[in-house]
Amino acid sequence: MKQFLAFVKKEFRHIMRDNRTLLIILGMPVVEILLFGFAINMEVQNIRVAFYDPTPDVFTTGIAERIKQNAYFNYRGSVQTMDEMEESMRRGELDLAVVFPQNFQESLVHSGQAAVQLLSNSSDPNRGSIAATYATAIIAGFQREQMGLMQLPFQIQTENRMIYNPLMKSSYMFV
């Protein structure tokens, strides 16, 4: 143990004498922290989104407008068929597709429940899951607003489906 302490003491003196070594040991970590702190941005923005709404109504239009107005989303239009939506996803033109079922408002008013399907392109797992989470939060906020205006309770459920990488393996993205 004495030898180890003597070795540490000798190396400490050597580092303190050499200004270049001291700069590397103390300066490099500070530079790396600052550089990586500002250069690496994990925030997901410009999520390309489209809507499939076979029977537009007040609720589906309200949800779509809230998502369009959100700064994280970049509205790419509405699609007329599911095939058109799938083709846009396959070509990489969309990150998220919001699919409303037929007669959404009627289901919501009569049964008190309706579901919205969120199809996210998870070829980049981080981007896909965050896009679905953002949209789910917006839909939940819309539901809270509407429940304050209406006297009947209802629930809008979101069904998230990750396509092109359902297991969410990031190695597929890197390869």
Protein backbone atom coordinates (compact mmCIF):
# COMPACT_ATOMS: atom_id res chain seq x y z
CA MET A 1 0.00 0.00 0.00
CA LYS A 2 2.95 2.31 0.73
CA GLN A 3 4.26 1.82 -2.79
CA PHE A 4 0.89 2.67 -4.30
CA LEU A 5 0.59 5.89 -2.26
CA ALA A 6 4.13 6.87 -3.24
CA PHE A 7 3.25 6.25 -6.90
CA VAL A 8 0.09 8.39 -6.67
CA LYS A 9 2.03 11.17 -4.95
CA LYS A 10 4.73 11.12 -7.63
CA GLU A 11 2.18 11.22 -10.48
CA PHE A 12 0.21 14.02 -8.82
CA ARG A 13 3.38 16.14 -8.58
CA HIS A 14 4.25 15.40 -12.18
CA ILE A 15 0.79 16.47 -13.40
CA MET A 16 0.84 19.66 -11.33
CA ARG A 17 4.26 20.64 -12.80
CA ASP A 18 3.27 20.09 -16.44
CA ASN A 19 0.79 22.75 -17.58
CA ARG A 20 -0.13 20.95 -20.80
CA THR A 21 -1.06 17.75 -18.98
CA LEU A 22 -3.02 19.75 -16.41
CA LEU A 23 -4.91 21.50 -19.21
CA ILE A 24 -5.76 18.19 -20.87
CA ILE A 25 -6.94 16.59 -17.63
CA LEU A 26 -9.03 19.54 -16.44
CA GLY A 27 -9.86 21.42 -19.65
CA MET A 28 -10.93 18.62 -21.98
CA PRO A 29 -13.85 17.36 -19.85
CA VAL A 30 -15.19 20.90 -19.50
CA VAL A 31 -14.96 21.48 -23.26
CA GLU A 32 -16.64 18.13 -23.98
CA ILE A 33 -19.49 18.83 -21.56
CA LEU A 34 -20.14 22.22 -23.15
CA LEU A 35 -19.80 20.95 -26.70
CA PHE A 36 -21.99 17.88 -26.28
CA GLY A 37 -24.49 19.77 -24.14
CA PHE A 38 -25.27 22.16 -26.97
CA ALA A 39 -24.57 19.95 -29.98
CA ILE A 40 -26.64 16.90 -29.08
CA ASN A 41 -30.35 17.65 -29.20
CA MET A 42 -32.77 14.84 -28.37
CA GLU A 43 -35.88 16.99 -28.84
CA VAL A 44 -38.16 15.67 -31.57
CA GLN A 45 -39.55 18.40 -33.83
CA ASN A 46 -41.11 18.67 -37.30
CA ILE A 47 -43.08 15.45 -36.95
CA ARG A 48 -44.76 14.97 -40.32
CA VAL A 49 -48.38 14.07 -39.63
CA ALA A 50 -51.43 13.28 -41.77
CA PHE A 51 -55.02 12.39 -40.89
CA TYR A 52 -57.40 9.76 -42.19
CA ASP A 53 -60.95 10.76 -41.32
CA PRO A 54 -63.66 8.98 -43.36
CA THR A 55 -66.51 10.90 -41.68
CA PRO A 56 -65.32 14.30 -40.44
CA ASP A 57 -67.22 15.73 -37.48
CA VAL A 58 -66.78 18.30 -34.71
CA PHE A 59 -64.63 16.04 -32.51
CA THR A 60 -62.29 14.74 -35.21
CA THR A 61 -61.86 18.23 -36.63
CA GLY A 62 -61.12 19.57 -33.13
CA ILE A 63 -58.48 16.93 -32.48
CA ALA A 64 -56.92 17.44 -35.91
CA GLU A 65 -56.79 21.22 -35.42
CA ARG A 66 -55.09 20.87 -32.04
CA ILE A 67 -52.44 18.60 -33.51
CA LYS A 68 -51.94 20.88 -36.55
CA GLN A 69 -51.47 23.92 -34.30
CA ASN A 70 -48.87 22.24 -32.11
CA ALA A 71 -45.34 23.45 -32.81
CA TYR A 72 -43.90 19.93 -32.82
CA PHE A 73 -46.05 18.76 -35.74
CA ASN A 74 -45.76 19.55 -39.43
CA TYR A 75 -49.13 18.96 -41.12
CA ARG A 76 -48.87 17.09 -44.43
CA GLY A 77 -52.57 16.95 -45.31
CA SER A 78 -55.39 14.49 -45.08
CA VAL A 79 -55.40 11.20 -46.92
CA GLN A 80 -58.48 9.81 -48.61
CA THR A 81 -57.76 6.10 -48.22
CA MET A 82 -55.77 3.87 -45.91
CA ASP A 83 -53.78 2.67 -48.93
CA GLU A 84 -52.71 6.24 -49.65
CA MET A 85 -51.66 6.67 -46.03
CA GLU A 86 -49.68 3.42 -46.02
CA GLU A 87 -47.95 4.40 -49.26
CA SER A 88 -46.97 7.79 -47.78
CA MET A 89 -45.58 6.04 -44.70
CA ARG A 90 -43.68 3.55 -46.85
CA ARG A 91 -42.10 6.36 -48.90
CA GLY A 92 -40.99 8.07 -45.69
CA GLU A 93 -43.19 11.15 -46.18
CA LEU A 94 -44.95 10.70 -42.82
CA ASP A 95 -43.80 10.11 -39.27
CA LEU A 96 -47.29 9.79 -37.78
CA ALA A 97 -50.74 9.02 -39.13
CA VAL A 98 -53.84 9.73 -37.06
CA VAL A 99 -56.67 7.38 -38.07
CA PHE A 100 -60.21 8.12 -36.95
CA PRO A 101 -62.82 5.36 -37.24
CA GLN A 102 -66.00 5.85 -39.19
CA ASN A 103 -68.74 7.67 -37.21
CA PHE A 104 -66.35 8.73 -34.45
CA GLN A 105 -68.73 11.30 -32.94
CA GLU A 106 -71.70 8.91 -32.91
CA SER A 107 -69.65 6.28 -31.08
CA LEU A 108 -68.46 8.86 -28.59
CA VAL A 109 -71.92 10.28 -27.87
CA HIS A 110 -73.81 6.97 -27.76
CA SER A 111 -71.39 4.66 -25.99
CA GLY A 112 -69.20 7.24 -24.23
CA GLN A 113 -66.08 5.73 -25.79
CA ALA A 114 -64.22 6.03 -29.05
CA ALA A 115 -60.74 5.12 -30.18
CA VAL A 116 -58.18 6.94 -32.28
CA GLN A 117 -55.41 4.93 -33.87
CA LEU A 118 -51.93 6.45 -34.04
CA LEU A 119 -49.65 4.81 -36.58
CA SER A 120 -46.08 5.92 -36.07
CA ASN A 121 -43.12 5.18 -38.25
CA SER A 122 -40.74 3.60 -35.77
CA SER A 123 -37.87 2.97 -38.12
CA ASP A 124 -36.32 5.50 -35.72
CA PRO A 125 -37.71 4.12 -32.42
CA ASN A 126 -37.09 7.27 -30.37
CA ARG A 127 -38.82 9.55 -32.88
CA GLY A 128 -41.75 7.15 -33.36
CA SER A 129 -42.53 6.71 -29.68
CA ILE A 130 -42.15 10.41 -28.89
CA ALA A 131 -44.42 11.37 -31.81
CA ALA A 132 -47.13 9.01 -30.52
CA THR A 133 -46.69 10.34 -26.98
CA TYR A 134 -47.06 13.96 -28.12
CA ALA A 135 -50.24 13.15 -30.06
CA THR A 136 -51.68 11.16 -27.14
CA ALA A 137 -51.11 14.11 -24.81
CA ILE A 138 -52.85 16.49 -27.23
CA ILE A 139 -55.84 14.15 -27.54
CA ALA A 140 -56.03 13.81 -23.74
CA GLY A 141 -55.99 17.62 -23.44
CA PHE A 142 -58.79 17.88 -26.00
CA GLN A 143 -60.80 15.31 -24.04
CA ARG A 144 -60.38 17.29 -20.79
CA GLU A 145 -61.53 20.49 -22.52
CA GLN A 146 -64.61 18.82 -23.98
CA MET A 147 -65.56 17.12 -20.72
CA GLY A 148 -65.62 20.55 -19.09
CA LEU A 149 -68.11 21.72 -21.74
CA MET A 150 -70.32 18.62 -21.82
CA GLN A 151 -72.22 17.05 -18.98
CA LEU A 152 -71.86 13.46 -20.14
CA PRO A 153 -68.53 11.76 -19.40
CA PHE A 154 -66.75 10.15 -22.31
CA GLN A 155 -63.38 8.64 -23.05
CA ILE A 156 -61.19 8.90 -26.13
CA GLN A 157 -58.74 6.04 -26.21
CA THR A 158 -55.58 6.11 -28.28
CA GLU A 159 -54.25 2.94 -29.80
CA ASN A 160 -50.58 3.28 -30.66
CA ARG A 161 -49.19 1.05 -33.36
CA MET A 162 -45.55 1.17 -34.31
CA ILE A 163 -44.91 0.13 -37.89
CA TYR A 164 -41.68 -0.75 -39.72
CA ASN A 165 -39.99 -1.65 -36.42
CA PRO A 166 -42.59 -2.97 -33.97
CA LEU A 167 -39.96 -4.34 -31.58
CA MET A 168 -38.43 -0.84 -31.38
CA LYS A 169 -34.85 -2.09 -31.84
CA SER A 170 -32.52 0.82 -32.36
CA SER A 171 -29.93 -1.43 -33.99
CA TYR A 172 -32.20 -1.68 -37.06
CA MET A 173 -32.04 2.09 -37.41
CA PHE A 174 -28.26 2.23 -37.15
CA VAL A 175 -27.67 -0.63 -39.57
